Amino acid sequence: MKPSATREPLPASIAPPATSKLPGVGTTIFTVMSQLARECGAINLGQGFPDFATPAGLLDRVVHHLRDGANQYAPMAGMPELREAIAAKVLALYGRQVDPVSDVTVTSGATEAIFSAIQAVVHPGDEAIVFDPAYDSYEPAVTLAGGRTVHVPLTAPRYGVDWQRVAAAITPRTRLVIVNSPHNPTGAVLDAADLEALADLTRDRPITVLGDEVYEHIVFDGARHESLNRHAELREKSLVVSSFGKTYHATGWKIGYCVAPPALSEEFRKVHQFAQFCVVTPMQKALAEYLTTTPEHHLGLGGFYQDKRDRFLHLLRESRFRLLPSAGTYFQLADYSAITDQGDVDFALRLTRESGVAAIPVSVFYEKPPAARVLRFCFAKDIATLERAAQILCRI
């Protein structure tokens, strides 16, 4: 059919439905707060992105491959050299031998990987368990798959998992449990006992586990990241999502990957190929080389960000914010109840407009927000930025 410059309105009987597939979803809080920060000229400690440079050596390799002609489609599952480098990293870090051909898929960021994973395993009427405060991309993807999201709250102030509550939430319709460790927005991490509890609850049940592990290299105070890839039982029923953007200070590249056993990877790729057929080629080639030749970058990331966390804590020591434990990620929660009884959304807006520092209100990540008054600050910033923000926050 030839395209037409004009189009007659569809008859009412065949017009597209006016109802939304996501009636309760608006613009994400990250977009809202970042836009407000720009409008107000505020320091953006809200959206989680670094304000310092991507490693120069990695950028050099990108430029090389751009100029060397690597500008056509990559294979749907990812460049072979990058999948091989990922498989080698998974073996080195977690002792898991994965097949780069059948078990590793490169994705357009972790968000696409999470979306594709949920669409691959959740069917109409299925239930997916998430832990509140839950990252905001999980539930819309479950809803679009025709499933129902079941919310289990974490236990403040350390935001641990109450596994008895998880057991009570599991029903014959439960098909997916989504775990996020290190956890955004709280900075909590799962330990080995948590993974054992998860394995016990999902054993002999038709339940898949989706692991959002995008902050896997950012764990503090001598702890190790307990990846689903490390657990011999869970990894056979899990899709594990990671992020190059978080690791290499390049969130705008939107490149991640998913590691899963062959049967799950096959279903995952059925969705991935239509959500985002392939990922930008020269950056994949550059990442493959840098990951292989410069492992000290990801191995040193925890210490790098722990220094920033500790500096941020020190800078805020005289403030009226009560800083909650952060065991991983590059986020710091702060209780502001000593400052005001204003709700966190309103206080975050006021803080941005009147004081010039943007943060993220934590209540938006809950199905049923608690009474706590907590904001999330991102400390993935250079020291000068953190110092300027802290000076303002200490005056409040």
Protein backbone atom coordinates (compact mmCIF):
# COMPACT_ATOMS: atom_id res chain seq x y z
CA MET A 1 0.00 0.00 0.00
CA LYS A 2 1.37 3.40 -0.93
CA PRO A 3 1.75 5.94 1.87
CA SER A 4 -0.79 8.74 1.81
CA ALA A 5 -0.31 12.33 2.85
CA THR A 6 -3.80 12.38 4.37
CA ARG A 7 -5.69 9.75 6.25
CA GLU A 8 -9.40 9.48 6.91
CA PRO A 9 -10.35 8.94 10.56
CA LEU A 10 -11.07 5.32 11.42
CA PRO A 11 -14.72 4.40 11.93
CA ALA A 12 -15.58 4.22 15.61
CA SER A 13 -16.13 0.47 15.34
CA ILE A 14 -12.48 -0.13 14.42
CA ALA A 15 -10.80 2.85 16.12
CA PRO A 16 -7.94 1.99 18.49
CA PRO A 17 -8.94 1.67 22.14
CA ALA A 18 -8.78 4.83 24.19
CA THR A 19 -7.82 2.99 27.39
CA SER A 20 -4.19 2.80 28.45
CA LYS A 21 -2.31 -0.45 28.95
CA LEU A 22 -0.52 1.26 31.84
CA PRO A 23 -3.17 3.54 33.33
CA GLY A 24 -1.29 4.11 36.59
CA VAL A 25 2.04 4.94 34.97
CA GLY A 26 3.25 8.45 34.22
CA THR A 27 6.66 9.92 33.52
CA THR A 28 9.30 8.26 35.70
CA ILE A 29 10.52 10.06 38.78
CA PHE A 30 14.04 10.09 37.33
CA THR A 31 12.91 12.11 34.32
CA VAL A 32 10.82 14.43 36.47
CA MET A 33 13.58 15.22 38.95
CA SER A 34 16.34 15.55 36.33
CA GLN A 35 14.23 17.92 34.26
CA LEU A 36 13.44 19.98 37.35
CA ALA A 37 17.13 20.05 38.28
CA ARG A 38 17.97 21.43 34.83
CA GLU A 39 15.22 24.04 35.01
CA CYS A 40 16.34 25.18 38.47
CA GLY A 41 20.08 24.91 37.87
CA ALA A 42 20.23 22.49 40.80
CA ILE A 43 22.97 19.97 41.61
CA ASN A 44 21.55 16.66 40.41
CA LEU A 45 22.08 14.00 43.08
CA GLY A 46 18.83 12.38 41.95
CA GLN A 47 19.20 10.35 38.76
CA GLY A 48 21.96 7.76 39.06
CA PHE A 49 24.64 8.81 36.61
CA PRO A 50 28.29 9.77 37.15
CA ASP A 51 29.50 13.27 36.35
CA PHE A 52 33.07 12.14 35.71
CA ALA A 53 34.73 10.68 32.64
CA THR A 54 34.45 7.26 31.07
CA PRO A 55 37.93 5.59 31.07
CA ALA A 56 40.10 7.14 28.37
CA GLY A 57 41.40 3.76 27.22
CA LEU A 58 37.87 2.54 26.56
CA LEU A 59 37.00 5.70 24.62
CA ASP A 60 40.14 5.24 22.52
CA ARG A 61 39.00 1.75 21.53
CA VAL A 62 35.53 3.05 20.59
CA VAL A 63 37.06 5.69 18.33
CA HIS A 64 39.35 3.08 16.78
CA HIS A 65 36.46 0.79 15.89
CA LEU A 66 34.30 3.65 14.62
CA ARG A 67 37.06 4.61 12.22
CA ASP A 68 37.98 1.01 11.43
CA GLY A 69 34.59 0.33 9.87
CA ALA A 70 32.76 -1.59 12.62
CA ASN A 71 29.55 0.29 11.91
CA GLN A 72 27.12 -2.33 10.64
CA TYR A 73 24.73 -4.67 12.42
CA ALA A 74 26.12 -6.84 15.17
CA PRO A 75 24.80 -10.39 15.64
CA MET A 76 21.47 -10.40 17.47
CA ALA A 77 22.93 -12.05 20.59
CA GLY A 78 26.02 -9.81 20.63
CA MET A 79 29.51 -9.71 19.18
CA PRO A 80 31.21 -13.09 19.74
CA GLU A 81 34.32 -11.50 21.30
CA LEU A 82 32.23 -9.60 23.84
CA ARG A 83 30.21 -12.67 24.81
CA GLU A 84 33.46 -14.59 25.24
CA ALA A 85 34.85 -11.84 27.47
CA ILE A 86 31.67 -11.86 29.55
CA ALA A 87 31.83 -15.63 29.94
CA ALA A 88 35.45 -15.37 31.07
CA LYS A 89 34.50 -12.72 33.65
CA VAL A 90 31.62 -14.80 35.01
CA LEU A 91 33.98 -17.75 35.42
CA ALA A 92 36.69 -15.65 37.09
CA LEU A 93 34.34 -13.89 39.51
CA TYR A 94 31.70 -16.50 40.26
CA GLY A 95 33.13 -19.87 39.22
CA ARG A 96 30.36 -20.46 36.71
CA GLN A 97 31.24 -21.94 33.33
CA VAL A 98 28.85 -20.46 30.76
CA ASP A 99 28.71 -21.00 27.04
CA PRO A 100 29.17 -17.63 25.31
CA VAL A 101 27.18 -18.89 22.33
CA SER A 102 24.07 -20.16 24.11
CA ASP A 103 24.10 -18.50 27.56
CA VAL A 104 25.13 -14.85 27.04
CA THR A 105 23.08 -12.14 25.30
CA VAL A 106 24.18 -8.52 24.92
CA THR A 107 21.30 -6.08 25.38
CA SER A 108 20.39 -2.44 24.96
CA GLY A 109 21.04 -1.70 28.60
CA ALA A 110 19.80 -3.49 31.69
CA THR A 111 16.32 -2.01 31.28
CA GLU A 112 15.80 -3.79 27.97
CA ALA A 113 17.23 -6.99 29.45
CA ILE A 114 14.82 -6.83 32.39
CA PHE A 115 11.88 -6.09 30.11
CA SER A 116 12.76 -8.93 27.73
CA ALA A 117 13.29 -11.36 30.60
CA ILE A 118 9.90 -10.57 32.12
CA GLN A 119 8.12 -10.83 28.78
CA ALA A 120 9.84 -14.16 28.16
CA VAL A 121 8.66 -15.89 31.34
CA VAL A 122 5.50 -14.14 32.56
CA HIS A 123 2.19 -15.19 30.97
CA PRO A 124 -1.30 -13.78 31.48
CA GLY A 125 -2.48 -14.58 35.00
CA ASP A 126 1.01 -15.29 36.34
CA GLU A 127 2.35 -13.58 39.45
CA ALA A 128 5.77 -11.98 39.92
CA ILE A 129 7.17 -11.11 43.34
CA VAL A 130 9.13 -7.89 43.80
CA PHE A 131 10.66 -6.31 46.90
CA ASP A 132 9.61 -2.80 47.88
CA PRO A 133 11.05 -0.27 47.44
CA ALA A 134 11.26 -1.80 43.96
CA TYR A 135 12.90 -0.27 40.90
CA ASP A 136 10.15 1.23 38.80
CA SER A 137 10.65 -0.73 35.56
CA TYR A 138 9.63 -4.10 37.00
CA GLU A 139 5.89 -3.76 37.51
CA PRO A 140 5.03 -2.12 34.15
CA ALA A 141 6.78 -4.97 32.34
CA VAL A 142 4.83 -7.55 34.36
CA THR A 143 1.59 -5.71 33.63
CA LEU A 144 2.30 -5.58 29.90
CA ALA A 145 2.88 -9.35 29.99
CA GLY A 146 -0.57 -9.80 31.50
CA GLY A 147 0.79 -10.73 34.91
CA ARG A 148 0.21 -9.44 38.42
CA THR A 149 2.94 -7.93 40.59
CA VAL A 150 3.04 -9.05 44.23
CA HIS A 151 4.88 -6.60 46.50
CA VAL A 152 6.83 -7.76 49.56
CA PRO A 153 8.31 -4.87 51.60
CA LEU A 154 11.90 -4.95 52.77
CA THR A 155 12.58 -4.34 56.46
CA ALA A 156 14.08 -0.93 57.26
CA PRO A 157 16.53 0.48 58.22
CA ARG A 158 18.82 -2.12 56.63
CA TYR A 159 16.19 -3.20 54.12
CA GLY A 160 16.61 -6.92 54.59
CA VAL A 161 14.30 -9.59 53.18
CA ASP A 162 11.76 -11.22 55.48
CA TRP A 163 11.71 -14.67 53.90
CA GLN A 164 8.65 -15.73 55.90
CA ARG A 165 6.72 -12.96 54.19
CA VAL A 166 8.06 -14.17 50.84
CA ALA A 167 6.90 -17.71 51.62
CA ALA A 168 3.45 -16.38 52.45
CA ALA A 169 3.36 -14.44 49.16
CA ILE A 170 4.07 -17.48 46.97
CA THR A 171 0.98 -19.02 45.38
CA PRO A 172 0.38 -21.63 42.67
CA ARG A 173 0.42 -18.72 40.20
CA THR A 174 3.88 -17.47 41.18
CA ARG A 175 6.18 -17.77 38.18
CA LEU A 176 8.87 -15.15 38.83
CA VAL A 177 10.80 -13.65 41.73
CA ILE A 178 12.81 -10.50 40.96
CA VAL A 179 15.79 -9.85 43.21
CA ASN A 180 17.97 -6.76 43.00
CA SER A 181 21.34 -6.84 44.72
CA PRO A 182 23.06 -4.52 45.34
CA HIS A 183 19.68 -2.88 45.72
CA ASN A 184 18.46 0.31 44.13
CA PRO A 185 17.32 2.53 45.83
CA THR A 186 18.40 1.34 49.31
CA GLY A 187 21.99 0.14 48.84
CA ALA A 188 21.22 -3.13 50.65
CA VAL A 189 22.89 -6.38 49.55
CA LEU A 190 21.85 -10.01 49.73
CA ASP A 191 24.17 -12.43 51.51
CA ALA A 192 24.74 -16.16 51.07
CA ALA A 193 22.01 -17.01 53.59
CA ASP A 194 19.52 -14.98 51.54
CA LEU A 195 20.33 -16.98 48.43
CA GLU A 196 19.90 -20.23 50.36
CA ALA A 197 16.49 -19.05 51.57
CA LEU A 198 15.50 -18.15 48.01
CA ALA A 199 16.66 -21.54 46.76
CA ASP A 200 14.64 -23.30 49.47
CA LEU A 201 11.46 -21.40 48.58
CA THR A 202 11.72 -21.93 44.83
CA ARG A 203 12.89 -25.55 44.92
CA ASP A 204 10.58 -27.98 43.08
CA ARG A 205 8.36 -25.09 42.01
CA PRO A 206 7.92 -23.69 38.47
CA ILE A 207 9.45 -20.36 39.51
CA THR A 208 12.11 -18.47 37.58
CA VAL A 209 14.39 -15.94 39.28
CA LEU A 210 15.38 -12.67 37.64
CA GLY A 211 18.52 -11.15 39.12
CA ASP A 212 19.03 -7.41 38.61
CA GLU A 213 22.77 -7.22 39.39
CA VAL A 214 23.73 -4.02 37.62
CA TYR A 215 25.73 -2.80 40.64
CA GLU A 216 27.52 -6.14 41.07
CA HIS A 217 30.97 -4.51 41.32
CA ILE A 218 29.94 -1.85 43.84
CA VAL A 219 29.92 -3.63 47.21
CA PHE A 220 31.50 -2.12 50.32
CA ASP A 221 33.24 -2.91 53.60
CA GLY A 222 34.94 -6.12 52.53
CA ALA A 223 31.77 -7.95 51.54
CA ARG A 224 31.57 -9.93 48.32
CA HIS A 225 28.75 -9.78 45.80
CA GLU A 226 26.58 -12.88 46.16
CA SER A 227 25.55 -13.31 42.55
CA LEU A 228 22.92 -15.77 41.44
CA ASN A 229 25.69 -16.91 39.09
CA ARG A 230 27.61 -18.10 42.14
CA HIS A 231 24.80 -20.31 43.50
CA ALA A 232 24.83 -23.76 41.88
CA GLU A 233 21.08 -24.33 42.22
CA LEU A 234 19.69 -20.87 41.57
CA ARG A 235 21.74 -20.20 38.47
CA GLU A 236 19.99 -23.05 36.68
CA LYS A 237 16.64 -21.23 36.98
CA SER A 238 17.81 -17.62 36.74
CA LEU A 239 18.25 -14.82 34.25
CA VAL A 240 21.04 -12.58 35.56
CA VAL A 241 21.23 -9.02 34.24
CA SER A 242 24.35 -6.83 34.36
CA SER A 243 25.30 -3.36 33.11
CA PHE A 244 28.35 -1.99 31.36
CA GLY A 245 27.02 1.53 31.76
CA LYS A 246 27.19 1.32 35.56
CA THR A 247 30.61 -0.32 35.50
CA TYR A 248 32.34 1.99 33.03
CA HIS A 249 30.69 5.33 33.94
CA ALA A 250 28.90 5.32 30.58
CA THR A 251 25.20 5.13 31.40
CA GLY A 252 24.31 6.88 28.14
CA TRP A 253 25.62 3.96 26.12
CA LYS A 254 22.81 1.71 27.37
CA ILE A 255 24.67 -1.58 27.01
CA GLY A 256 24.09 -4.53 29.31
CA TYR A 257 23.82 -8.28 29.12
CA CYS A 258 21.90 -11.28 30.36
CA VAL A 259 23.39 -14.61 31.44
CA ALA A 260 21.00 -17.56 31.60
CA PRO A 261 20.98 -21.31 30.92
CA PRO A 262 20.21 -22.29 27.30
CA ALA A 263 16.45 -22.90 27.63
CA LEU A 264 15.88 -19.54 29.34
CA SER A 265 18.25 -17.75 26.97
CA GLU A 266 16.34 -19.13 24.01
CA GLU A 267 13.08 -17.69 25.29
CA PHE A 268 14.80 -14.45 26.27
CA ARG A 269 16.23 -13.99 22.76
CA LYS A 270 12.81 -14.51 21.18
CA VAL A 271 11.74 -11.28 22.86
CA HIS A 272 15.08 -9.45 22.67
CA GLN A 273 15.28 -9.74 18.89
CA PHE A 274 12.09 -7.70 18.55
CA ALA A 275 12.67 -5.30 21.44
CA GLN A 276 16.17 -4.35 20.23
CA PHE A 277 17.57 -6.56 17.51
CA CYS A 278 21.19 -5.77 18.23
CA VAL A 279 23.43 -3.38 20.14
CA VAL A 280 25.80 -0.78 18.68
CA THR A 281 28.76 -2.60 17.14
CA PRO A 282 31.86 -0.44 17.76
CA MET A 283 31.11 -0.10 21.46
CA GLN A 284 30.69 -3.86 21.80
CA LYS A 285 34.08 -4.43 20.23
CA ALA A 286 35.66 -1.79 22.45
CA LEU A 287 34.09 -3.24 25.59
CA ALA A 288 35.33 -6.72 24.68
CA GLU A 289 38.91 -5.47 24.49
CA TYR A 290 38.76 -3.28 27.59
CA LEU A 291 37.05 -5.92 29.72
CA THR A 292 39.73 -8.43 28.75
CA THR A 293 42.79 -6.19 29.10
CA THR A 294 41.75 -4.01 32.05
CA PRO A 295 40.04 -6.20 34.67
CA GLU A 296 41.48 -3.97 37.37
CA HIS A 297 38.77 -1.44 36.52
CA HIS A 298 35.82 -3.56 37.60
CA LEU A 299 37.82 -5.22 40.37
CA GLY A 300 38.59 -1.83 41.89
CA LEU A 301 35.16 -0.30 41.49
CA GLY A 302 33.95 -1.15 44.99
CA GLY A 303 36.86 0.63 46.61
CA PHE A 304 36.50 3.59 44.26
CA TYR A 305 32.87 4.14 45.23
CA GLN A 306 33.39 3.32 48.89
CA ASP A 307 35.77 6.27 49.05
CA LYS A 308 33.03 8.47 47.59
CA ARG A 309 30.43 7.10 49.98
CA ASP A 310 32.68 7.72 52.97
CA ARG A 311 33.53 11.23 51.80
CA PHE A 312 29.82 12.02 51.32
CA LEU A 313 29.04 10.69 54.81
CA HIS A 314 31.83 12.81 56.27
CA LEU A 315 30.64 15.93 54.46
CA LEU A 316 27.12 15.48 55.85
CA ARG A 317 28.16 14.69 59.41
CA GLU A 318 26.98 18.13 60.65
CA SER A 319 23.67 18.04 58.76
CA ARG A 320 20.26 17.22 60.17
CA PHE A 321 19.89 14.28 57.79
CA ARG A 322 20.16 10.84 59.39
CA LEU A 323 22.17 8.69 56.99
CA LEU A 324 21.06 5.08 56.65
CA PRO A 325 23.40 2.13 55.93
CA SER A 326 24.61 1.77 52.32
CA ALA A 327 26.30 -1.57 51.70
CA GLY A 328 26.51 -1.21 47.92
CA THR A 329 25.51 0.77 44.78
CA TYR A 330 26.33 4.47 44.50
CA PHE A 331 23.28 5.61 46.44
CA GLN A 332 22.87 6.91 49.96
CA LEU A 333 19.52 7.05 51.77
CA ALA A 334 18.90 9.89 54.19
CA ASP A 335 16.09 10.23 56.73
CA TYR A 336 15.02 13.89 56.91
CA SER A 337 12.38 13.57 59.65
CA ALA A 338 14.41 15.90 61.90
CA ILE A 339 13.97 18.64 59.30
CA THR A 340 10.29 18.50 58.35
CA ASP A 341 7.21 16.30 58.40
CA GLN A 342 6.56 17.08 54.74
CA GLY A 343 6.04 14.09 52.45
CA ASP A 344 9.11 12.99 50.53
CA VAL A 345 7.84 13.90 47.06
CA ASP A 346 6.96 17.42 48.15
CA PHE A 347 10.20 17.77 50.11
CA ALA A 348 12.28 16.58 47.14
CA LEU A 349 10.57 19.16 44.90
CA ARG A 350 11.12 21.88 47.50
CA LEU A 351 14.76 20.88 48.01
CA THR A 352 15.38 21.18 44.28
CA ARG A 353 13.55 24.48 43.76
CA GLU A 354 14.53 26.32 46.92
CA SER A 355 17.90 24.86 47.91
CA GLY A 356 19.31 23.72 44.57
CA VAL A 357 19.93 20.02 45.25
CA ALA A 358 17.89 17.30 43.52
CA ALA A 359 17.21 13.93 45.18
CA ILE A 360 14.81 11.03 44.61
CA PRO A 361 11.87 10.43 46.99
CA VAL A 362 11.84 6.77 48.01
CA SER A 363 8.07 6.44 48.52
CA VAL A 364 7.51 6.27 44.75
CA PHE A 365 9.08 2.79 44.72
CA TYR A 366 6.45 1.32 47.05
CA GLU A 367 3.01 -0.11 46.41
CA LYS A 368 2.06 1.05 49.93
CA PRO A 369 4.54 3.72 51.05
CA PRO A 370 5.58 3.60 54.72
CA ALA A 371 5.44 6.60 57.01
CA ALA A 372 9.23 7.05 56.85
CA ARG A 373 10.62 10.25 55.35
CA VAL A 374 13.56 9.19 53.22
CA LEU A 375 15.37 10.58 50.16
CA ARG A 376 17.93 8.89 47.91
CA PHE A 377 21.10 10.78 46.98
CA CYS A 378 23.52 9.64 44.27
CA PHE A 379 27.19 10.03 45.22
CA ALA A 380 28.58 8.98 41.81
CA LYS A 381 29.91 12.51 41.43
CA ASP A 382 33.29 14.18 41.56
CA ILE A 383 34.38 15.48 44.92
CA ALA A 384 33.77 19.13 44.03
CA THR A 385 30.14 18.34 43.21
CA LEU A 386 29.65 16.44 46.46
CA GLU A 387 31.24 19.26 48.44
CA ARG A 388 28.96 21.89 46.89
CA ALA A 389 25.88 19.76 47.51
CA ALA A 390 26.91 18.99 51.09
CA GLN A 391 27.41 22.66 51.91
CA ILE A 392 23.81 23.31 50.88
CA LEU A 393 22.41 20.25 52.67
CA CYS A 394 24.20 21.13 55.92
CA ARG A 395 22.50 24.54 55.93
CA ILE A 396 18.98 23.04 55.82
